[in-house]
């Protein structure tokens, strides 16, 4: 009988009736899984990346707000998007300008 140190992994295979994906690995790591690679970036660039990513998230949120308000205006009244454009645009821009 093999000792615990000799065993690298134990895999449980399911029968065909209950097979629903990959087999279960009880001990060790699943075959083919790799460690997550470390991000390659200079430490000096971290604040710039953080600021740009934060701005991109705000822009994404503002775009979503405008798109939702545009659709709602169009459904409510004829040519609603153009009638409500200043209001919808200003609401979206307020999301963009939040700090």
N, C-alpha and C. Protein backbone atom coordinates (compact mmCIF):
# COMPACT_ATOMS: atom_id res chain seq x y z
N UNK A 1 0.84 -1.19 0.00
CA UNK A 1 0.00 0.00 0.00
C UNK A 1 0.88 1.25 0.00
N UNK A 2 0.51 2.25 -0.79
CA UNK A 2 1.30 3.48 -0.91
C UNK A 2 1.03 4.40 0.27
N UNK A 3 2.06 5.12 0.69
CA UNK A 3 1.87 6.07 1.78
C UNK A 3 1.29 7.38 1.24
N UNK A 4 0.88 8.23 2.17
CA UNK A 4 0.26 9.50 1.79
C UNK A 4 1.22 10.38 0.97
N UNK A 5 2.52 10.30 1.27
CA UNK A 5 3.50 11.13 0.58
C UNK A 5 3.70 10.68 -0.86
N UNK A 6 3.49 9.38 -1.15
CA UNK A 6 3.68 8.86 -2.50
C UNK A 6 2.54 9.25 -3.44
N UNK A 7 1.36 9.53 -2.89
CA UNK A 7 0.18 9.85 -3.69
C UNK A 7 0.18 11.34 -4.00
N UNK A 8 0.13 11.69 -5.30
CA UNK A 8 0.12 13.11 -5.69
C UNK A 8 -1.30 13.65 -5.79
N UNK A 9 -2.20 12.82 -6.32
CA UNK A 9 -3.60 13.25 -6.39
C UNK A 9 -4.49 12.03 -6.48
N UNK A 10 -5.74 12.22 -6.05
CA UNK A 10 -6.75 11.17 -6.15
C UNK A 10 -7.94 11.76 -6.89
N UNK A 11 -8.38 11.08 -7.94
CA UNK A 11 -9.46 11.57 -8.77
C UNK A 11 -10.64 10.62 -8.70
N UNK A 12 -11.86 11.16 -8.50
CA UNK A 12 -13.07 10.35 -8.46
C UNK A 12 -13.81 10.57 -9.76
N UNK A 13 -14.03 9.48 -10.50
CA UNK A 13 -14.78 9.55 -11.76
C UNK A 13 -16.24 9.25 -11.48
N UNK A 14 -17.12 9.95 -12.13
CA UNK A 14 -18.56 9.73 -11.95
C UNK A 14 -19.06 8.77 -13.01
N UNK A 15 -20.20 8.14 -12.70
CA UNK A 15 -20.79 7.24 -13.70
C UNK A 15 -21.41 8.07 -14.81
N UNK A 16 -21.76 7.43 -15.92
CA UNK A 16 -22.28 8.16 -17.08
C UNK A 16 -23.62 8.83 -16.79
N UNK A 17 -24.45 8.23 -15.93
CA UNK A 17 -25.77 8.81 -15.64
C UNK A 17 -25.64 10.14 -14.90
N UNK A 18 -24.67 10.22 -13.99
CA UNK A 18 -24.55 11.43 -13.18
C UNK A 18 -23.38 12.31 -13.62
N UNK A 19 -22.81 12.04 -14.77
CA UNK A 19 -21.67 12.82 -15.22
C UNK A 19 -22.14 14.21 -15.60
N UNK A 20 -21.59 15.20 -14.93
CA UNK A 20 -22.05 16.56 -15.20
C UNK A 20 -20.91 17.53 -15.40
N UNK A 21 -19.75 17.07 -15.72
CA UNK A 21 -18.64 18.00 -15.91
C UNK A 21 -17.33 17.30 -15.66
N UNK A 22 -16.41 18.00 -15.04
CA UNK A 22 -15.09 17.44 -14.81
C UNK A 22 -15.10 16.54 -13.57
N UNK A 23 -14.18 15.58 -13.50
CA UNK A 23 -14.11 14.70 -12.35
C UNK A 23 -13.65 15.45 -11.10
N UNK A 24 -13.98 14.91 -9.91
CA UNK A 24 -13.59 15.53 -8.65
C UNK A 24 -12.17 15.11 -8.28
N UNK A 25 -11.36 16.07 -7.87
CA UNK A 25 -10.00 15.79 -7.39
C UNK A 25 -10.03 15.93 -5.88
N UNK A 26 -9.72 14.84 -5.18
CA UNK A 26 -9.79 14.85 -3.72
C UNK A 26 -8.51 15.32 -3.07
N UNK A 27 -7.38 14.98 -3.64
CA UNK A 27 -6.10 15.29 -3.02
C UNK A 27 -5.17 15.85 -4.08
N UNK A 28 -4.41 16.84 -3.77
CA UNK A 28 -3.51 17.42 -4.75
C UNK A 28 -4.22 18.47 -5.58
N UNK A 29 -3.66 18.79 -6.71
CA UNK A 29 -4.27 19.79 -7.58
C UNK A 29 -4.82 19.11 -8.83
N UNK A 30 -5.79 19.76 -9.44
CA UNK A 30 -6.39 19.22 -10.65
C UNK A 30 -5.37 19.25 -11.78
N UNK A 31 -5.34 18.24 -12.61
CA UNK A 31 -4.39 18.25 -13.72
C UNK A 31 -4.72 19.36 -14.71
N UNK A 32 -3.69 20.03 -15.18
CA UNK A 32 -3.89 21.08 -16.17
C UNK A 32 -4.11 22.45 -15.57
N UNK A 33 -4.38 22.55 -14.28
CA UNK A 33 -4.57 23.87 -13.67
C UNK A 33 -3.21 24.49 -13.42
N UNK A 34 -3.09 25.76 -13.77
CA UNK A 34 -1.82 26.46 -13.60
C UNK A 34 -2.01 27.58 -12.59
N UNK A 35 -0.91 27.97 -11.97
CA UNK A 35 -0.95 29.10 -11.07
C UNK A 35 -1.25 30.37 -11.85
N UNK A 36 -1.93 31.31 -11.19
CA UNK A 36 -2.20 32.60 -11.83
C UNK A 36 -0.88 33.35 -11.97
N UNK A 37 -0.61 33.86 -13.15
CA UNK A 37 0.64 34.56 -13.39
C UNK A 37 0.62 35.92 -12.70
N UNK A 38 1.80 36.30 -12.21
CA UNK A 38 1.94 37.59 -11.57
C UNK A 38 1.93 38.68 -12.63
N UNK A 39 1.28 39.78 -12.31
CA UNK A 39 1.17 40.90 -13.24
C UNK A 39 2.54 41.54 -13.45
N UNK A 40 2.89 41.75 -14.68
CA UNK A 40 4.18 42.37 -15.01
C UNK A 40 3.96 43.87 -15.19
N UNK A 41 4.39 44.62 -14.20
CA UNK A 41 4.22 46.07 -14.28
C UNK A 41 5.22 46.73 -13.34
N UNK A 42 5.75 47.85 -13.77
CA UNK A 42 6.67 48.62 -12.93
C UNK A 42 5.87 49.25 -11.79
N UNK A 43 6.43 49.25 -10.61
CA UNK A 43 5.74 49.80 -9.44
C UNK A 43 5.42 51.29 -9.61
N UNK A 44 6.26 52.01 -10.36
CA UNK A 44 6.05 53.44 -10.56
C UNK A 44 4.79 53.72 -11.39
N UNK A 45 4.34 52.75 -12.18
CA UNK A 45 3.17 52.96 -13.03
C UNK A 45 1.85 52.64 -12.34
N UNK A 46 1.91 52.05 -11.15
CA UNK A 46 0.70 51.63 -10.45
C UNK A 46 -0.29 52.79 -10.22
N UNK A 47 0.14 53.97 -9.73
CA UNK A 47 -0.84 55.06 -9.53
C UNK A 47 -1.50 55.53 -10.83
N UNK A 48 -0.73 55.54 -11.92
CA UNK A 48 -1.28 55.97 -13.21
C UNK A 48 -2.34 54.97 -13.69
N UNK A 49 -2.03 53.68 -13.55
CA UNK A 49 -2.98 52.66 -13.97
C UNK A 49 -4.25 52.76 -13.15
N UNK A 50 -4.10 52.97 -11.85
CA UNK A 50 -5.26 53.05 -10.95
C UNK A 50 -6.15 54.23 -11.34
N UNK A 51 -5.54 55.38 -11.62
CA UNK A 51 -6.30 56.58 -11.98
C UNK A 51 -7.03 56.40 -13.32
N UNK A 52 -6.34 55.83 -14.28
CA UNK A 52 -6.95 55.63 -15.60
C UNK A 52 -8.08 54.61 -15.53
N UNK A 53 -7.86 53.55 -14.76
CA UNK A 53 -8.91 52.52 -14.63
C UNK A 53 -10.13 53.09 -13.92
N UNK A 54 -9.91 53.93 -12.90
CA UNK A 54 -11.02 54.56 -12.17
C UNK A 54 -11.82 55.46 -13.11
N UNK A 55 -11.12 56.22 -13.95
CA UNK A 55 -11.78 57.09 -14.93
C UNK A 55 -12.59 56.27 -15.93
N UNK A 56 -12.03 55.14 -16.36
CA UNK A 56 -12.74 54.28 -17.32
C UNK A 56 -14.01 53.71 -16.70
N UNK A 57 -13.95 53.36 -15.41
CA UNK A 57 -15.14 52.84 -14.74
C UNK A 57 -16.22 53.91 -14.64
N UNK A 58 -15.81 55.15 -14.34
CA UNK A 58 -16.79 56.25 -14.26
C UNK A 58 -17.40 56.53 -15.64
N UNK A 59 -16.60 56.49 -16.67
CA UNK A 59 -17.10 56.70 -18.03
C UNK A 59 -18.09 55.61 -18.41
N UNK A 60 -17.78 54.38 -18.04
CA UNK A 60 -18.66 53.26 -18.31
C UNK A 60 -20.00 53.44 -17.59
N UNK A 61 -19.95 53.88 -16.33
CA UNK A 61 -21.18 54.09 -15.56
C UNK A 61 -22.01 55.22 -16.16
N UNK A 62 -21.34 56.32 -16.57
CA UNK A 62 -22.05 57.45 -17.16
C UNK A 62 -22.71 57.04 -18.48
N UNK A 63 -22.02 56.25 -19.26
CA UNK A 63 -22.58 55.78 -20.53
C UNK A 63 -23.81 54.92 -20.29
N UNK A 64 -23.75 54.05 -19.30
CA UNK A 64 -24.88 53.18 -18.98
C UNK A 64 -26.07 54.02 -18.52
N UNK A 65 -25.83 55.03 -17.68
CA UNK A 65 -26.91 55.90 -17.20
C UNK A 65 -27.56 56.61 -18.38
N UNK A 66 -26.75 57.16 -19.28
CA UNK A 66 -27.33 57.86 -20.43
C UNK A 66 -28.14 56.91 -21.31
N UNK A 67 -27.59 55.74 -21.57
CA UNK A 67 -28.27 54.77 -22.43
C UNK A 67 -29.62 54.36 -21.84
N UNK A 68 -29.66 54.12 -20.53
CA UNK A 68 -30.92 53.74 -19.89
C UNK A 68 -31.94 54.87 -19.93
N UNK A 69 -31.49 56.10 -19.65
CA UNK A 69 -32.41 57.24 -19.66
C UNK A 69 -32.89 57.53 -21.09
N UNK A 70 -32.02 57.36 -22.08
CA UNK A 70 -32.38 57.55 -23.49
C UNK A 70 -33.50 56.58 -23.88
N UNK A 71 -33.33 55.32 -23.52
CA UNK A 71 -34.35 54.31 -23.86
C UNK A 71 -35.67 54.60 -23.16
N UNK A 72 -35.59 55.00 -21.90
CA UNK A 72 -36.80 55.31 -21.13
C UNK A 72 -37.54 56.50 -21.74
N UNK A 73 -36.81 57.53 -22.15
CA UNK A 73 -37.42 58.71 -22.77
C UNK A 73 -38.09 58.34 -24.09
N UNK A 74 -37.44 57.49 -24.86
CA UNK A 74 -38.00 57.08 -26.15
C UNK A 74 -39.30 56.30 -25.99
N UNK A 75 -39.38 55.50 -24.94
CA UNK A 75 -40.60 54.70 -24.71
C UNK A 75 -41.75 55.56 -24.20
N UNK A 76 -41.43 56.60 -23.43
CA UNK A 76 -42.46 57.41 -22.80
C UNK A 76 -43.17 58.35 -23.77
N UNK A 77 -42.42 58.99 -24.66
CA UNK A 77 -43.05 59.98 -25.56
C UNK A 77 -42.42 59.98 -26.94
N UNK A 78 -43.16 60.52 -27.88
CA UNK A 78 -42.68 60.60 -29.26
C UNK A 78 -41.46 61.53 -29.32
N UNK A 79 -40.41 61.06 -29.99
CA UNK A 79 -39.14 61.81 -30.07
C UNK A 79 -38.64 62.20 -28.67
N UNK A 80 -38.87 61.33 -27.72
CA UNK A 80 -38.54 61.63 -26.33
C UNK A 80 -37.05 61.80 -26.08
N UNK A 81 -36.25 61.09 -26.84
CA UNK A 81 -34.81 61.17 -26.61
C UNK A 81 -34.28 62.57 -26.87
N UNK A 82 -34.83 63.25 -27.92
CA UNK A 82 -34.35 64.60 -28.26
C UNK A 82 -34.93 65.63 -27.29
N UNK A 83 -36.17 65.41 -26.85
CA UNK A 83 -36.79 66.34 -25.91
C UNK A 83 -36.08 66.30 -24.55
N UNK A 84 -35.68 65.11 -24.13
CA UNK A 84 -35.05 64.94 -22.83
C UNK A 84 -33.52 64.93 -22.89
N UNK A 85 -32.96 65.23 -24.06
CA UNK A 85 -31.51 65.16 -24.22
C UNK A 85 -30.73 65.99 -23.19
N UNK A 86 -31.07 67.26 -22.98
CA UNK A 86 -30.29 68.04 -21.99
C UNK A 86 -30.34 67.43 -20.58
N UNK A 87 -31.53 67.01 -20.18
CA UNK A 87 -31.70 66.43 -18.85
C UNK A 87 -30.95 65.10 -18.73
N UNK A 88 -31.12 64.23 -19.72
CA UNK A 88 -30.45 62.93 -19.69
C UNK A 88 -28.93 63.08 -19.74
N UNK A 89 -28.47 63.98 -20.58
CA UNK A 89 -27.02 64.20 -20.71
C UNK A 89 -26.43 64.74 -19.42
N UNK A 90 -27.11 65.70 -18.81
CA UNK A 90 -26.58 66.28 -17.57
C UNK A 90 -26.56 65.26 -16.43
N UNK A 91 -27.56 64.40 -16.37
CA UNK A 91 -27.57 63.34 -15.34
C UNK A 91 -26.40 62.38 -15.55
N UNK A 92 -26.14 62.02 -16.79
CA UNK A 92 -25.03 61.12 -17.09
C UNK A 92 -23.70 61.78 -16.77
N UNK A 93 -23.56 63.06 -17.11
CA UNK A 93 -22.31 63.76 -16.84
C UNK A 93 -22.07 63.94 -15.33
N UNK A 94 -23.14 64.05 -14.56
CA UNK A 94 -22.96 64.16 -13.11
C UNK A 94 -22.35 62.87 -12.55
N UNK A 95 -22.68 61.73 -13.16
CA UNK A 95 -22.07 60.46 -12.76
C UNK A 95 -20.58 60.44 -13.13
N UNK A 96 -20.27 61.05 -14.25
CA UNK A 96 -18.88 61.08 -14.72
C UNK A 96 -18.03 61.99 -13.84
N UNK A 97 -18.59 63.09 -13.38
CA UNK A 97 -17.81 64.08 -12.64
C UNK A 97 -17.66 63.77 -11.16
N UNK A 98 -18.35 62.73 -10.66
CA UNK A 98 -18.23 62.37 -9.24
C UNK A 98 -16.81 61.92 -8.93
N UNK A 99 -16.33 62.32 -7.79
CA UNK A 99 -14.99 61.93 -7.37
C UNK A 99 -15.07 61.00 -6.26
